[in-house]
Amino acid sequence: MDYLKNNLTQIGFTEYEAKVYLALLQENPATGYQLSKKSGVPRSMVYEALGRLSIRGAVLETVEGRATLYSPLPPDVLLDRYEEEQLYMLAGLREGLKKAYQSSNEDKIWSITGQRATYAYAGQMLREAQSEVYAVLNDEDLSALEKEFNAVCERGVSVNALLTGKASLACGQVAYHPPIESELQELTGTLVIVSDNQNALIASSNHETVATITANRNLVLMARQFIWMELFAQRIYTRLGPDFVDQLDPEDQKIFIGLKES
C-alpha cells in the first residue's frame, strides 16, 4: 500500500489524506473514529483530513443518527477527474510557456541529464525536423524513439540511421554498424541525432544518461559528417569482394568480417 500512498501524494494528497482515502477503500461506510483506527491517522487529524478530502470531492458523506459516515469516491471517477484536470492544466501551461519562451540561437554547448529527459528532447528534435535527420541508435534508443522516426518518414523527411544493435527501422536509409567496430568506437551506448544540419544531440550512458545539445555549426557538421561517412563506408563494404578483404590488416579484416556477419 505504500506505493499507492506515495502515488496519491504525487497528485496532491497529503500523507494523512492518502491514508484516510486508502482506508476508506477497504472499509466503507465508516465513521471518523473507525477511519482513525484503520488508517493510523490520529483522531485529532482524521476529521481535518476528511474535510480536505470532502473539499476535493474525493469522499462522500451522509449523516446517520448522530454519526457522520464517509465513503470514498470510486477510484475510476476520482482518477478520471484528476486526469481531465491535469490535461486541461497542461494544455494551458504549454500555451503560456510557449508564448513566454524566447529561443536562443547562440552556438553554446548545453547538457541535460537523465534518459527520459534525453528521449524527450530527441523526440522534439525529430518532430521539428523539416528536411533531414541523421542518427546513431542502439536497440534501446530505437525502441524509445521508433514512433517519432516513423512519423518523420511519413512527413517525407530524409532519415539516415546507423544502427549499432539488431533491431530494425522500417524506413529511411539504414545501415548496421559492425559490432566489433561499435565496441572499439564505444558506440554501443551512444545516441546521436542531427536534425536539418542545424542541431545535434549526442548522448552516452554509463551509470546515468548525459546528453550534449548544440547548434554550434562546426560541431553539428562534424556529427553529421561522421554519420554520413559511416553510412557511405557501409555501402562500399557491401560491394567489396573477398580479394579486398585478404589485403587488409588482420584487425581491419575482423571489422569487415563483423560487418558481413551483422
Protein backbone atom coordinates (compact mmCIF):
# COMPACT_ATOMS: atom_id res chain seq x y z
CA MET A 1 0.00 0.00 0.00
CA ASP A 2 2.96 2.32 0.46
CA TYR A 3 3.36 2.80 -3.28
CA LEU A 4 -0.32 3.76 -3.59
CA LYS A 5 0.06 6.27 -0.76
CA ASN A 6 3.19 7.70 -2.40
CA ASN A 7 1.47 7.98 -5.77
CA LEU A 8 -1.51 9.75 -4.22
CA THR A 9 0.82 12.29 -2.65
CA GLN A 10 2.32 12.82 -6.11
CA ILE A 11 -1.06 14.08 -7.37
CA GLY A 12 -1.56 16.43 -4.44
CA PHE A 13 -2.88 14.42 -1.49
CA THR A 14 -1.25 14.97 1.89
CA GLU A 15 0.05 11.86 3.63
CA TYR A 16 -2.92 11.83 6.03
CA GLU A 17 -5.41 12.34 3.19
CA ALA A 18 -3.85 9.45 1.28
CA LYS A 19 -4.00 7.17 4.32
CA VAL A 20 -7.63 8.04 5.03
CA TYR A 21 -8.72 7.58 1.39
CA LEU A 22 -6.95 4.19 1.18
CA ALA A 23 -8.58 3.13 4.45
CA LEU A 24 -11.98 4.13 3.08
CA LEU A 25 -11.44 1.98 0.01
CA GLN A 26 -11.09 -1.04 2.29
CA GLU A 27 -13.75 -0.17 4.86
CA ASN A 28 -16.82 1.88 3.96
CA PRO A 29 -19.03 3.45 5.00
CA ALA A 30 -17.06 4.37 8.08
CA THR A 31 -17.00 6.96 10.82
CA GLY A 32 -14.07 9.21 11.54
CA TYR A 33 -13.32 7.13 14.63
CA GLN A 34 -13.22 3.91 12.59
CA LEU A 35 -11.03 5.54 9.97
CA SER A 36 -8.60 6.77 12.57
CA LYS A 37 -8.12 3.21 13.82
CA LYS A 38 -7.95 1.75 10.30
CA SER A 39 -5.58 4.32 8.82
CA GLY A 40 -3.38 5.09 11.80
CA VAL A 41 -4.13 8.80 11.44
CA PRO A 42 -4.60 10.43 14.88
CA ARG A 43 -8.21 11.25 15.77
CA SER A 44 -7.21 14.87 16.17
CA MET A 45 -6.19 14.93 12.48
CA VAL A 46 -8.55 12.46 10.81
CA TYR A 47 -11.51 14.89 10.64
CA GLU A 48 -9.27 17.59 9.19
CA ALA A 49 -8.11 15.13 6.52
CA LEU A 50 -11.72 14.12 5.82
CA GLY A 51 -12.68 17.78 5.49
CA ARG A 52 -9.98 18.39 2.89
CA LEU A 53 -10.95 15.20 1.05
CA SER A 54 -14.55 16.41 1.02
CA ILE A 55 -13.46 19.75 -0.48
CA ARG A 56 -11.52 17.79 -3.11
CA GLY A 57 -14.66 15.81 -3.87
CA ALA A 58 -12.79 12.61 -3.03
CA VAL A 59 -15.22 11.39 -0.33
CA LEU A 60 -18.97 11.11 0.04
CA GLU A 61 -20.64 11.75 3.37
CA THR A 62 -24.02 11.27 5.00
CA VAL A 63 -25.48 11.64 8.46
CA GLU A 64 -26.98 8.58 10.11
CA GLY A 65 -28.35 9.17 13.57
CA ARG A 66 -25.77 11.27 15.35
CA ALA A 67 -22.84 9.89 13.33
CA THR A 68 -21.36 11.14 10.05
CA LEU A 69 -20.48 8.31 7.69
CA TYR A 70 -17.94 8.55 4.91
CA SER A 71 -17.47 6.62 1.69
CA PRO A 72 -14.79 7.05 -0.99
CA LEU A 73 -15.41 8.46 -4.43
CA PRO A 74 -14.84 5.41 -6.69
CA PRO A 75 -11.21 5.30 -7.92
CA ASP A 76 -12.14 5.42 -11.62
CA VAL A 77 -14.27 8.52 -11.09
CA LEU A 78 -11.58 10.17 -8.97
CA LEU A 79 -8.73 9.46 -11.39
CA ASP A 80 -10.74 10.33 -14.50
CA ARG A 81 -11.46 13.72 -12.98
CA TYR A 82 -7.82 14.23 -11.99
CA GLU A 83 -6.68 13.21 -15.48
CA GLU A 84 -9.08 15.67 -17.11
CA GLU A 85 -7.96 18.47 -14.78
CA GLN A 86 -4.28 17.71 -15.38
CA LEU A 87 -4.71 17.65 -19.16
CA TYR A 88 -6.56 20.97 -19.05
CA MET A 89 -3.87 22.48 -16.82
CA LEU A 90 -1.05 21.15 -19.00
CA ALA A 91 -2.67 22.49 -22.18
CA GLY A 92 -2.89 25.95 -20.66
CA LEU A 93 0.63 25.70 -19.29
CA ARG A 94 2.02 24.59 -22.65
CA GLU A 95 0.43 27.54 -24.43
CA GLY A 96 1.56 30.02 -21.80
CA LEU A 97 5.13 28.73 -21.65
CA LYS A 98 5.47 28.72 -25.44
CA LYS A 99 4.45 32.38 -25.54
CA ALA A 100 6.94 33.22 -22.79
CA TYR A 101 9.83 31.22 -24.30
CA GLN A 102 12.49 33.19 -26.12
CA SER A 103 14.64 30.77 -28.12
CA SER A 104 18.34 31.50 -28.28
CA ASN A 105 20.37 30.90 -31.44
CA GLU A 106 23.69 31.08 -29.63
CA ASP A 107 26.17 28.37 -30.55
CA LYS A 108 26.62 27.25 -26.98
CA ILE A 109 27.04 23.65 -25.82
CA TRP A 110 24.37 22.56 -23.37
CA SER A 111 23.92 19.38 -21.38
CA ILE A 112 20.95 17.54 -19.89
CA THR A 113 20.95 14.57 -17.55
CA GLY A 114 18.61 11.59 -17.44
CA GLN A 115 17.32 9.11 -20.00
CA ARG A 116 13.73 10.36 -20.02
CA ALA A 117 14.81 13.98 -20.46
CA THR A 118 17.16 12.95 -23.27
CA TYR A 119 14.47 10.99 -25.11
CA ALA A 120 12.01 13.86 -24.67
CA TYR A 121 14.46 16.33 -26.23
CA ALA A 122 15.39 13.91 -29.03
CA GLY A 123 11.71 13.35 -29.76
CA GLN A 124 11.14 17.09 -30.02
CA MET A 125 14.06 17.41 -32.45
CA LEU A 126 12.52 14.69 -34.62
CA ARG A 127 9.07 16.29 -34.54
CA GLU A 128 10.53 19.63 -35.63
CA ALA A 129 12.80 18.24 -38.38
CA GLN A 130 11.94 19.61 -41.82
CA SER A 131 14.43 18.20 -44.33
CA GLU A 132 16.78 15.54 -42.92
CA VAL A 133 17.71 13.54 -39.86
CA TYR A 134 20.97 11.67 -39.25
CA ALA A 135 21.10 9.29 -36.31
CA VAL A 136 23.12 6.68 -34.44
CA LEU A 137 20.84 4.34 -32.49
CA ASN A 138 21.18 1.25 -30.35
CA ASP A 139 18.23 -1.08 -29.79
CA GLU A 140 17.00 0.66 -26.62
CA ASP A 141 17.13 4.11 -28.21
CA LEU A 142 15.37 2.89 -31.33
CA SER A 143 12.60 1.29 -29.28
CA ALA A 144 12.07 4.53 -27.35
CA LEU A 145 12.07 6.76 -30.46
CA GLU A 146 10.66 4.45 -33.14
CA LYS A 147 7.26 6.16 -33.18
CA GLU A 148 8.88 9.55 -33.76
CA PHE A 149 11.13 8.17 -36.52
CA ASN A 150 8.18 6.60 -38.33
CA ALA A 151 6.33 9.94 -38.12
CA VAL A 152 9.39 11.72 -39.56
CA CYS A 153 9.44 9.34 -42.51
CA GLU A 154 5.72 9.79 -43.10
CA ARG A 155 6.29 13.54 -43.40
CA GLY A 156 8.80 12.93 -46.20
CA VAL A 157 11.85 13.94 -44.16
CA SER A 158 15.05 12.14 -45.21
CA VAL A 159 16.12 9.68 -42.46
CA ASN A 160 19.66 8.27 -42.36
CA ALA A 161 20.28 5.88 -39.49
CA LEU A 162 23.33 3.95 -38.34
CA LEU A 163 22.18 1.11 -36.07
CA THR A 164 24.53 -0.41 -33.52
CA GLY A 165 22.17 -3.18 -32.40
CA LYS A 166 19.98 -5.81 -34.06
CA ALA A 167 16.62 -4.02 -34.17
CA SER A 168 15.31 -2.73 -37.49
CA LEU A 169 13.97 0.62 -38.65
CA ALA A 170 11.33 0.27 -41.34
CA CYS A 171 12.08 3.46 -43.22
CA GLY A 172 14.90 5.66 -44.47
CA GLN A 173 18.48 4.78 -45.34
CA VAL A 174 19.59 2.29 -42.71
CA ALA A 175 22.90 0.53 -42.12
CA TYR A 176 24.20 -1.70 -39.35
CA HIS A 177 27.47 -0.75 -37.76
CA PRO A 178 29.95 -3.65 -37.36
CA PRO A 179 29.68 -4.95 -33.77
CA ILE A 180 33.45 -5.05 -33.25
CA GLU A 181 33.88 -1.51 -34.54
CA SER A 182 30.95 -0.34 -32.41
CA GLU A 183 32.76 -1.67 -29.36
CA LEU A 184 36.06 -0.10 -30.40
CA GLN A 185 34.45 3.29 -31.02
CA GLU A 186 32.26 2.99 -27.89
CA LEU A 187 29.11 3.50 -29.95
CA THR A 188 27.01 0.77 -28.36
CA GLY A 189 25.81 3.13 -25.63
CA THR A 190 25.71 6.27 -27.76
CA LEU A 191 22.72 8.11 -29.18
CA VAL A 192 23.24 10.77 -31.84
CA ILE A 193 20.53 12.86 -33.50
CA VAL A 194 21.34 15.57 -36.07
CA SER A 195 18.38 17.47 -37.49
CA ASP A 196 18.37 19.69 -40.57
CA ASN A 197 22.13 20.15 -40.27
CA GLN A 198 21.36 22.73 -37.57
CA ASN A 199 21.06 20.93 -34.23
CA ALA A 200 22.80 17.95 -32.71
CA LEU A 201 22.22 15.79 -29.64
CA ILE A 202 24.92 13.37 -28.53
CA ALA A 203 24.17 11.19 -25.51
CA SER A 204 26.08 8.45 -23.77
CA SER A 205 25.05 6.09 -21.00
CA ASN A 206 27.20 4.69 -18.26
CA HIS A 207 25.59 4.80 -14.84
CA GLU A 208 23.45 7.74 -15.97
CA THR A 209 22.49 9.19 -19.34
CA VAL A 210 24.13 12.52 -20.10
CA ALA A 211 23.40 14.35 -23.36
CA THR A 212 25.17 17.22 -25.09
CA ILE A 213 22.98 19.55 -27.18
CA THR A 214 24.29 22.19 -29.52
CA ALA A 215 23.54 24.36 -32.53
CA ASN A 216 27.24 25.13 -32.96
CA ARG A 217 27.78 24.96 -36.70
CA ASN A 218 31.15 23.22 -36.54
CA LEU A 219 30.07 20.55 -34.05
CA VAL A 220 26.81 19.87 -35.87
CA LEU A 221 28.73 19.48 -39.13
CA MET A 222 31.20 17.06 -37.53
CA ALA A 223 28.42 14.91 -36.06
CA ARG A 224 26.55 14.81 -39.37
CA GLN A 225 29.73 14.09 -41.34
CA PHE A 226 30.66 11.22 -39.03
CA ILE A 227 27.33 9.50 -39.64
CA TRP A 228 27.41 10.27 -43.37
CA MET A 229 30.88 8.74 -43.72
CA GLU A 230 29.89 5.66 -41.75
CA LEU A 231 26.83 5.12 -43.95
CA PHE A 232 28.94 5.69 -47.06
CA ALA A 233 31.51 3.17 -45.83
CA GLN A 234 28.80 0.56 -45.19
CA ARG A 235 27.55 0.94 -48.78
CA ILE A 236 31.07 0.48 -50.12
CA TYR A 237 31.79 -2.51 -47.87
CA THR A 238 28.77 -4.41 -49.17
CA ARG A 239 30.19 -4.22 -52.72
CA LEU A 240 33.70 -5.42 -51.91
CA GLY A 241 34.74 -8.98 -52.61
CA PRO A 242 36.96 -11.44 -50.69
CA ASP A 243 40.10 -10.35 -52.58
CA PHE A 244 39.86 -6.94 -50.96
CA VAL A 245 39.47 -8.46 -47.51
CA ASP A 246 42.65 -10.50 -47.94
CA GLN A 247 44.63 -7.30 -48.48
CA LEU A 248 43.54 -5.77 -45.19
CA ASP A 249 45.44 -5.82 -41.93
CA PRO A 250 44.23 -8.54 -39.52
CA GLU A 251 42.42 -6.05 -37.26
CA ASP A 252 40.65 -4.47 -40.24
CA GLN A 253 39.70 -7.93 -41.51
CA LYS A 254 37.94 -8.61 -38.19
CA ILE A 255 35.92 -5.43 -38.59
CA PHE A 256 34.99 -6.26 -42.17
CA ILE A 257 34.02 -9.86 -41.30
CA GLY A 258 31.95 -8.49 -38.43
CA LEU A 259 30.14 -6.26 -40.86
CA LYS A 260 29.35 -9.16 -43.15
CA GLU A 261 28.07 -11.24 -40.23
CA SER A 262 25.91 -8.42 -38.86
